[in-house]
Amino acid sequence: MDMVEWDGLTFEGNSIALFGAKLLVVKARRGMLGCGYLNVAAAEKLGHALAVVTGVSCYDDMLHAEVKQVSSEARNLGVVPGMTGAEALKTMN
């Protein structure tokens, strides 16, 4: 587990090294920001708030990347595609 700090807030980050890539997740209090390895359909089944960013290789990339997909629970919290990963995390915190 890593601590990811942004704009005075601290989030829990997890990184798993895979075959030439990383699976990245940053957890806020009410949801999570994940890389393209994560599946919105699975988050839907579990009722989890998930925002997905793609083309990222580190936490900093995730914070600056555009959110591409969101689960309905994330949308209920105010997260929408097009916002940055940092905005999504703040919204889910």
N, C-alpha and C. Protein backbone atom coordinates (compact mmCIF):
# COMPACT_ATOMS: atom_id res chain seq x y z
N MET A 1 0.84 -1.17 0.00
CA MET A 1 0.00 0.00 0.00
C MET A 1 0.89 1.24 0.00
N ASP A 2 0.45 2.25 -0.75
CA ASP A 2 1.15 3.53 -0.83
C ASP A 2 0.19 4.63 -0.40
N MET A 3 0.74 5.73 0.03
CA MET A 3 -0.07 6.90 0.33
C MET A 3 0.06 7.87 -0.85
N VAL A 4 -1.06 8.27 -1.41
CA VAL A 4 -1.09 9.19 -2.55
C VAL A 4 -1.63 10.51 -2.04
N GLU A 5 -0.83 11.56 -2.13
CA GLU A 5 -1.25 12.88 -1.64
C GLU A 5 -1.55 13.79 -2.81
N TRP A 6 -2.64 14.55 -2.66
CA TRP A 6 -3.05 15.49 -3.70
C TRP A 6 -3.86 16.61 -3.07
N ASP A 7 -3.43 17.82 -3.24
CA ASP A 7 -4.18 19.00 -2.83
C ASP A 7 -4.60 18.93 -1.36
N GLY A 8 -3.69 18.50 -0.50
CA GLY A 8 -3.97 18.44 0.93
C GLY A 8 -4.73 17.21 1.38
N LEU A 9 -5.06 16.31 0.48
CA LEU A 9 -5.79 15.09 0.82
C LEU A 9 -4.87 13.89 0.66
N THR A 10 -5.10 12.85 1.43
CA THR A 10 -4.31 11.62 1.33
C THR A 10 -5.23 10.45 1.01
N PHE A 11 -4.82 9.66 0.03
CA PHE A 11 -5.58 8.51 -0.43
C PHE A 11 -4.71 7.26 -0.34
N GLU A 12 -5.33 6.10 -0.31
CA GLU A 12 -4.62 4.82 -0.29
C GLU A 12 -4.43 4.34 -1.72
N GLY A 13 -3.18 4.10 -2.09
CA GLY A 13 -2.87 3.61 -3.42
C GLY A 13 -2.35 2.19 -3.38
N ASN A 14 -2.69 1.43 -4.41
CA ASN A 14 -2.19 0.06 -4.54
C ASN A 14 -1.73 -0.15 -5.97
N SER A 15 -0.55 -0.73 -6.10
CA SER A 15 0.05 -0.98 -7.41
C SER A 15 0.53 -2.43 -7.45
N ILE A 16 0.15 -3.13 -8.51
CA ILE A 16 0.60 -4.51 -8.70
C ILE A 16 1.34 -4.57 -10.03
N ALA A 17 2.60 -4.92 -9.97
CA ALA A 17 3.39 -5.05 -11.20
C ALA A 17 2.96 -6.29 -11.95
N LEU A 18 2.61 -6.10 -13.21
CA LEU A 18 2.22 -7.20 -14.08
C LEU A 18 3.18 -7.23 -15.27
N PHE A 19 3.02 -8.11 -16.13
CA PHE A 19 3.89 -8.35 -17.27
C PHE A 19 4.05 -7.12 -18.16
N GLY A 20 4.95 -6.21 -17.76
CA GLY A 20 5.20 -5.01 -18.54
C GLY A 20 4.23 -3.87 -18.28
N ALA A 21 3.38 -4.02 -17.30
CA ALA A 21 2.40 -2.98 -16.97
C ALA A 21 2.10 -3.05 -15.47
N LYS A 22 1.27 -2.13 -15.00
CA LYS A 22 0.87 -2.13 -13.59
C LYS A 22 -0.65 -2.05 -13.50
N LEU A 23 -1.19 -2.72 -12.50
CA LEU A 23 -2.59 -2.55 -12.13
C LEU A 23 -2.58 -1.52 -11.01
N LEU A 24 -3.27 -0.41 -11.21
CA LEU A 24 -3.25 0.71 -10.27
C LEU A 24 -4.65 1.01 -9.75
N VAL A 25 -4.75 1.23 -8.44
CA VAL A 25 -6.00 1.61 -7.80
C VAL A 25 -5.69 2.64 -6.72
N VAL A 26 -6.48 3.70 -6.68
CA VAL A 26 -6.39 4.69 -5.61
C VAL A 26 -7.76 4.74 -4.95
N LYS A 27 -7.77 4.53 -3.64
CA LYS A 27 -9.03 4.43 -2.90
C LYS A 27 -9.31 5.72 -2.12
N ALA A 28 -10.52 6.24 -2.32
CA ALA A 28 -11.03 7.37 -1.54
C ALA A 28 -12.00 6.81 -0.49
N ARG A 29 -12.58 7.67 0.32
CA ARG A 29 -13.49 7.19 1.37
C ARG A 29 -14.73 6.49 0.82
N ARG A 30 -15.26 6.99 -0.32
CA ARG A 30 -16.52 6.45 -0.83
C ARG A 30 -16.41 5.77 -2.19
N GLY A 31 -15.19 5.60 -2.69
CA GLY A 31 -15.04 4.98 -4.00
C GLY A 31 -13.59 4.87 -4.39
N MET A 32 -13.36 4.48 -5.64
CA MET A 32 -11.98 4.29 -6.08
C MET A 32 -11.78 4.72 -7.52
N LEU A 33 -10.53 5.08 -7.78
CA LEU A 33 -10.07 5.43 -9.12
C LEU A 33 -9.17 4.29 -9.57
N GLY A 34 -9.41 3.73 -10.73
CA GLY A 34 -8.63 2.60 -11.19
C GLY A 34 -8.18 2.76 -12.62
N CYS A 35 -7.17 1.98 -12.97
CA CYS A 35 -6.67 1.95 -14.35
C CYS A 35 -7.60 1.09 -15.21
N GLY A 36 -7.27 0.99 -16.49
CA GLY A 36 -8.10 0.27 -17.43
C GLY A 36 -8.21 -1.23 -17.19
N TYR A 37 -7.40 -1.78 -16.29
CA TYR A 37 -7.53 -3.19 -15.94
C TYR A 37 -8.84 -3.47 -15.20
N LEU A 38 -9.38 -2.45 -14.54
CA LEU A 38 -10.58 -2.65 -13.73
C LEU A 38 -11.83 -2.60 -14.60
N ASN A 39 -12.84 -3.31 -14.16
CA ASN A 39 -14.05 -3.54 -14.94
C ASN A 39 -15.24 -2.85 -14.27
N VAL A 40 -15.84 -1.91 -14.98
CA VAL A 40 -17.00 -1.19 -14.45
C VAL A 40 -18.17 -2.15 -14.22
N ALA A 41 -18.33 -3.15 -15.07
CA ALA A 41 -19.43 -4.11 -14.89
C ALA A 41 -19.31 -4.84 -13.56
N ALA A 42 -18.10 -5.19 -13.17
CA ALA A 42 -17.90 -5.85 -11.87
C ALA A 42 -18.23 -4.90 -10.73
N ALA A 43 -17.83 -3.64 -10.85
CA ALA A 43 -18.16 -2.64 -9.83
C ALA A 43 -19.67 -2.46 -9.71
N GLU A 44 -20.36 -2.51 -10.85
CA GLU A 44 -21.82 -2.40 -10.85
C GLU A 44 -22.45 -3.54 -10.04
N LYS A 45 -21.98 -4.76 -10.29
CA LYS A 45 -22.53 -5.93 -9.58
C LYS A 45 -22.32 -5.83 -8.08
N LEU A 46 -21.20 -5.23 -7.68
CA LEU A 46 -20.87 -5.11 -6.26
C LEU A 46 -21.40 -3.82 -5.61
N GLY A 47 -21.93 -2.92 -6.43
CA GLY A 47 -22.43 -1.66 -5.91
C GLY A 47 -21.33 -0.70 -5.51
N HIS A 48 -20.16 -0.80 -6.14
CA HIS A 48 -19.02 0.05 -5.80
C HIS A 48 -18.94 1.27 -6.70
N ALA A 49 -18.45 2.35 -6.14
CA ALA A 49 -18.18 3.56 -6.91
C ALA A 49 -16.79 3.41 -7.53
N LEU A 50 -16.72 3.43 -8.86
CA LEU A 50 -15.46 3.27 -9.58
C LEU A 50 -15.40 4.24 -10.74
N ALA A 51 -14.27 4.94 -10.84
CA ALA A 51 -13.96 5.76 -12.00
C ALA A 51 -12.72 5.17 -12.64
N VAL A 52 -12.72 5.04 -13.97
CA VAL A 52 -11.62 4.40 -14.68
C VAL A 52 -10.90 5.42 -15.57
N VAL A 53 -9.57 5.42 -15.45
CA VAL A 53 -8.70 6.20 -16.34
C VAL A 53 -7.83 5.22 -17.11
N THR A 54 -7.43 5.58 -18.31
CA THR A 54 -6.65 4.66 -19.14
C THR A 54 -5.34 5.31 -19.58
N GLY A 55 -4.41 4.48 -20.03
CA GLY A 55 -3.13 4.98 -20.51
C GLY A 55 -2.23 5.51 -19.41
N VAL A 56 -2.35 4.96 -18.22
CA VAL A 56 -1.60 5.45 -17.07
C VAL A 56 -0.59 4.40 -16.60
N SER A 57 0.52 4.88 -16.01
CA SER A 57 1.52 3.94 -15.52
C SER A 57 1.99 4.27 -14.10
N CYS A 58 1.42 5.34 -13.52
CA CYS A 58 1.76 5.70 -12.15
C CYS A 58 0.61 6.52 -11.55
N TYR A 59 0.68 6.74 -10.24
CA TYR A 59 -0.39 7.49 -9.57
C TYR A 59 -0.53 8.90 -10.12
N ASP A 60 0.59 9.56 -10.38
CA ASP A 60 0.53 10.93 -10.90
C ASP A 60 -0.20 10.96 -12.24
N ASP A 61 0.08 9.98 -13.10
CA ASP A 61 -0.65 9.89 -14.37
C ASP A 61 -2.15 9.78 -14.11
N MET A 62 -2.53 8.97 -13.12
CA MET A 62 -3.94 8.75 -12.81
C MET A 62 -4.62 10.05 -12.40
N LEU A 63 -3.94 10.85 -11.61
CA LEU A 63 -4.52 12.10 -11.12
C LEU A 63 -4.78 13.09 -12.25
N HIS A 64 -3.94 13.07 -13.27
CA HIS A 64 -4.06 14.02 -14.38
C HIS A 64 -4.86 13.48 -15.57
N ALA A 65 -5.10 12.18 -15.60
CA ALA A 65 -5.80 11.57 -16.73
C ALA A 65 -7.30 11.87 -16.69
N GLU A 66 -7.90 11.81 -17.84
CA GLU A 66 -9.35 12.01 -17.98
C GLU A 66 -10.08 10.73 -17.62
N VAL A 67 -11.11 10.85 -16.81
CA VAL A 67 -11.96 9.71 -16.48
C VAL A 67 -12.71 9.29 -17.73
N LYS A 68 -12.61 8.01 -18.06
CA LYS A 68 -13.25 7.47 -19.27
C LYS A 68 -14.57 6.77 -18.99
N GLN A 69 -14.65 6.06 -17.85
CA GLN A 69 -15.86 5.30 -17.51
C GLN A 69 -16.13 5.46 -16.02
N VAL A 70 -17.41 5.41 -15.66
CA VAL A 70 -17.79 5.46 -14.25
C VAL A 70 -18.91 4.46 -13.99
N SER A 71 -18.93 3.93 -12.78
CA SER A 71 -20.05 3.07 -12.37
C SER A 71 -21.22 3.97 -11.98
N SER A 72 -22.40 3.40 -11.89
CA SER A 72 -23.57 4.19 -11.52
C SER A 72 -23.43 4.76 -10.12
N GLU A 73 -22.79 4.02 -9.21
CA GLU A 73 -22.60 4.53 -7.85
C GLU A 73 -21.66 5.74 -7.86
N ALA A 74 -20.62 5.71 -8.68
CA ALA A 74 -19.73 6.86 -8.80
C ALA A 74 -20.49 8.05 -9.39
N ARG A 75 -21.32 7.77 -10.38
CA ARG A 75 -22.12 8.84 -10.99
C ARG A 75 -23.08 9.46 -9.95
N ASN A 76 -23.64 8.62 -9.08
CA ASN A 76 -24.52 9.12 -8.02
C ASN A 76 -23.79 10.04 -7.06
N LEU A 77 -22.49 9.84 -6.92
CA LEU A 77 -21.67 10.71 -6.05
C LEU A 77 -21.25 12.00 -6.75
N GLY A 78 -21.48 12.07 -8.07
CA GLY A 78 -21.13 13.27 -8.83
C GLY A 78 -19.95 13.12 -9.77
N VAL A 79 -19.43 11.91 -9.92
CA VAL A 79 -18.30 11.66 -10.82
C VAL A 79 -18.84 11.46 -12.23
N VAL A 80 -18.24 12.12 -13.21
CA VAL A 80 -18.67 11.99 -14.60
C VAL A 80 -17.45 11.82 -15.50
N PRO A 81 -17.63 11.11 -16.62
CA PRO A 81 -16.54 11.03 -17.59
C PRO A 81 -16.12 12.43 -18.03
N GLY A 82 -14.82 12.60 -18.23
CA GLY A 82 -14.31 13.90 -18.66
C GLY A 82 -13.61 14.67 -17.56
N MET A 83 -13.97 14.40 -16.30
CA MET A 83 -13.26 15.06 -15.21
C MET A 83 -11.90 14.39 -15.04
N THR A 84 -10.98 15.02 -14.33
CA THR A 84 -9.68 14.40 -14.10
C THR A 84 -9.80 13.35 -12.99
N GLY A 85 -8.81 12.50 -12.92
CA GLY A 85 -8.77 11.52 -11.84
C GLY A 85 -8.75 12.19 -10.49
N ALA A 86 -8.02 13.29 -10.36
CA ALA A 86 -7.97 14.03 -9.09
C ALA A 86 -9.34 14.56 -8.71
N GLU A 87 -10.07 15.10 -9.68
CA GLU A 87 -11.42 15.59 -9.40
C GLU A 87 -12.33 14.45 -8.96
N ALA A 88 -12.19 13.30 -9.61
CA ALA A 88 -13.01 12.14 -9.25
C ALA A 88 -12.72 11.69 -7.81
N LEU A 89 -11.43 11.64 -7.44
CA LEU A 89 -11.07 11.25 -6.08
C LEU A 89 -11.62 12.23 -5.06
N LYS A 90 -11.49 13.52 -5.33
CA LYS A 90 -12.03 14.53 -4.40
C LYS A 90 -13.53 14.36 -4.24
N THR A 91 -14.22 14.08 -5.35
CA THR A 91 -15.67 13.91 -5.32
C THR A 91 -16.07 12.67 -4.52
N MET A 92 -15.25 11.62 -4.58
CA MET A 92 -15.57 10.36 -3.88
C MET A 92 -15.01 10.34 -2.46
N ASN A 93 -14.35 11.40 -2.04
CA ASN A 93 -13.78 11.44 -0.69
C ASN A 93 -14.76 12.01 0.23
